[in-house]
Amino acid sequence: MAELTIGRMAKLYNLHRSSLYEAVAKGRVSAGLNANGQKVIDTSEMIRVYGPVPNDTRHPTPKKQTPPDTPDSSALLDELRALRAEIASLRDEVHQLRRLPPPSTPEAPKTDAHATIEPPADNDDPHGLRSLARAMFDAAQREK
């Protein structure tokens, strides 16, 4: 059966938590610990000691009521037929639109995804990084 914390079990049986803690302390009700370290009581143990769960009269189950303005089944069937007819006409329209040629678009400049990027000109070295790299490369070549 299900294990509930002492607080939840007390609410379920309309008891005070302290009464339930006292029953556990005196050994009338056995309790264990759950994975979170909270004291829990098995439902079967509560049924053994206190009997079945009492009916909660504070929150009665609402009776199912049908709204007074519920349409009858013939009106619903008529609405369903009208919706199906509308869906059929929309499908026909989509079918006709798919037969049309695609709209023309203004030509955009074509870009080649595999185009190589041109290296900048030799004189385009504002920070002197290329010249420094070349000097280091030349010095390494001379040492060999």
Protein backbone atom coordinates (compact mmCIF):
# COMPACT_ATOMS: atom_id res chain seq x y z
CA MET A 1 0.00 0.00 0.00
CA ALA A 2 0.96 3.64 -0.16
CA GLU A 3 3.11 5.29 2.45
CA LEU A 4 2.27 8.86 3.43
CA THR A 5 3.95 11.29 5.76
CA ILE A 6 2.45 11.71 9.20
CA GLY A 7 1.11 15.15 8.32
CA ARG A 8 -0.67 13.94 5.21
CA MET A 9 -2.00 10.86 6.94
CA ALA A 10 -3.35 13.06 9.76
CA LYS A 11 -5.19 15.23 7.22
CA LEU A 12 -6.55 12.15 5.48
CA TYR A 13 -7.94 10.74 8.74
CA ASN A 14 -8.99 14.13 10.15
CA LEU A 15 -6.57 13.74 13.07
CA HIS A 16 -4.14 16.17 14.62
CA ARG A 17 -0.52 15.54 13.74
CA SER A 18 0.50 15.48 17.39
CA SER A 19 -2.02 12.70 18.05
CA LEU A 20 -0.51 10.62 15.28
CA TYR A 21 3.05 11.33 16.47
CA GLU A 22 2.00 10.24 19.96
CA ALA A 23 0.50 7.00 18.61
CA VAL A 24 3.78 6.28 16.80
CA ALA A 25 5.82 7.09 19.93
CA LYS A 26 3.71 4.77 22.09
CA GLY A 27 3.96 1.96 19.53
CA ARG A 28 0.26 1.80 18.60
CA VAL A 29 1.11 2.71 14.99
CA SER A 30 4.32 1.61 13.31
CA ALA A 31 6.12 4.10 11.10
CA GLY A 32 9.22 4.06 8.94
CA LEU A 33 11.43 6.54 7.13
CA ASN A 34 11.22 7.37 3.45
CA ALA A 35 14.12 8.28 1.14
CA ASN A 36 13.97 11.90 2.35
CA GLY A 37 14.26 10.87 6.01
CA GLN A 38 10.64 11.75 6.81
CA LYS A 39 8.50 9.52 9.01
CA VAL A 40 5.91 7.73 6.92
CA ILE A 41 3.03 5.44 7.78
CA ASP A 42 1.75 2.72 5.50
CA THR A 43 -1.94 3.00 4.61
CA SER A 44 -2.58 -0.59 5.68
CA GLU A 45 -1.23 0.25 9.17
CA MET A 46 -3.66 3.17 9.45
CA ILE A 47 -6.54 0.94 8.32
CA ARG A 48 -5.51 -1.64 10.97
CA VAL A 49 -5.52 0.93 13.77
CA TYR A 50 -8.10 3.55 12.73
CA GLY A 51 -10.24 1.67 10.21
CA PRO A 52 -10.97 2.71 6.62
CA VAL A 53 -10.42 6.27 5.50
CA PRO A 54 -13.39 8.35 6.62
CA ASN A 55 -15.45 10.16 4.03
CA ASP A 56 -14.51 13.80 3.82
CA THR A 57 -17.71 15.76 4.33
CA ARG A 58 -15.94 19.11 4.04
CA HIS A 59 -15.32 18.69 0.29
CA PRO A 60 -18.17 16.64 -1.20
CA THR A 61 -17.71 15.36 -4.70
CA PRO A 62 -19.61 17.65 -7.04
CA LYS A 63 -22.43 15.99 -8.94
CA LYS A 64 -22.11 16.11 -12.66
CA GLN A 65 -24.57 18.55 -14.11
CA THR A 66 -25.21 19.26 -17.73
CA PRO A 67 -25.39 22.91 -18.64
CA PRO A 68 -28.88 24.07 -19.54
CA ASP A 69 -27.79 25.41 -22.93
CA THR A 70 -26.34 22.14 -24.25
CA PRO A 71 -27.35 21.75 -27.91
CA ASP A 72 -29.08 18.57 -28.93
CA SER A 73 -27.35 15.95 -31.06
CA SER A 74 -28.99 17.00 -34.33
CA ALA A 75 -27.59 20.53 -33.99
CA LEU A 76 -24.14 19.08 -33.31
CA LEU A 77 -24.38 16.83 -36.36
CA ASP A 78 -25.37 19.79 -38.53
CA GLU A 79 -22.39 21.77 -37.23
CA LEU A 80 -20.09 18.81 -37.89
CA ARG A 81 -21.35 18.49 -41.48
CA ALA A 82 -20.80 22.22 -42.07
CA LEU A 83 -17.24 21.99 -40.74
CA ARG A 84 -16.49 18.99 -42.94
CA ALA A 85 -17.79 20.83 -46.00
CA GLU A 86 -15.59 23.83 -45.14
CA ILE A 87 -12.54 21.57 -44.76
CA ALA A 88 -13.26 19.97 -48.14
CA SER A 89 -13.46 23.37 -49.85
CA LEU A 90 -10.22 24.48 -48.20
CA ARG A 91 -8.49 21.31 -49.39
CA ASP A 92 -9.67 22.00 -52.94
CA GLU A 93 -8.31 25.53 -52.71
CA VAL A 94 -4.94 24.28 -51.48
CA HIS A 95 -4.85 21.73 -54.31
CA GLN A 96 -5.48 24.50 -56.86
CA LEU A 97 -2.83 26.74 -55.31
CA ARG A 98 -0.25 23.98 -55.49
CA ARG A 99 -0.77 23.76 -59.27
CA LEU A 100 0.18 27.41 -59.75
CA PRO A 101 3.76 28.25 -60.72
CA PRO A 102 5.92 29.60 -57.91
CA PRO A 103 5.97 33.39 -57.58
CA SER A 104 8.82 35.18 -59.27
CA THR A 105 11.40 36.69 -56.97
CA PRO A 106 13.87 39.46 -57.74
CA GLU A 107 17.26 38.03 -58.47
CA ALA A 108 19.60 38.22 -55.55
CA PRO A 109 23.31 38.39 -56.08
CA LYS A 110 24.65 34.90 -56.32
CA THR A 111 27.28 33.90 -53.83
CA ASP A 112 29.54 30.93 -54.27
CA ALA A 113 29.86 28.99 -51.05
CA HIS A 114 33.14 27.46 -52.23
CA ALA A 115 34.76 30.69 -53.37
CA THR A 116 38.22 31.25 -52.01
CA ILE A 117 38.92 34.35 -50.02
CA GLU A 118 41.55 36.54 -51.56
CA PRO A 119 44.38 37.32 -49.19
CA PRO A 120 44.87 41.02 -48.54
CA ALA A 121 47.52 42.89 -50.44
CA ASP A 122 51.04 42.92 -49.00
CA ASN A 123 50.82 46.59 -48.18
CA ASP A 124 47.64 45.98 -46.16
CA ASP A 125 49.35 45.25 -42.85
CA PRO A 126 48.24 48.00 -40.46
CA HIS A 127 49.64 46.39 -37.30
CA GLY A 128 52.80 44.94 -38.77
CA LEU A 129 51.79 41.42 -37.81
CA ARG A 130 52.57 39.89 -41.20
CA SER A 131 55.92 41.57 -41.41
CA LEU A 132 56.77 40.32 -37.90
CA ALA A 133 55.71 36.79 -38.83
CA ARG A 134 57.81 36.94 -42.04
CA ALA A 135 60.83 38.19 -40.12
CA MET A 136 60.52 35.36 -37.62
CA PHE A 137 60.11 32.83 -40.43
CA ASP A 138 63.17 34.21 -42.27
CA ALA A 139 65.24 34.10 -39.08
CA ALA A 140 64.24 30.48 -38.52
CA GLN A 141 65.19 29.64 -42.12
CA ARG A 142 68.60 31.27 -41.74
CA GLU A 143 69.37 29.26 -38.61
CA LYS A 144 68.89 25.99 -40.44
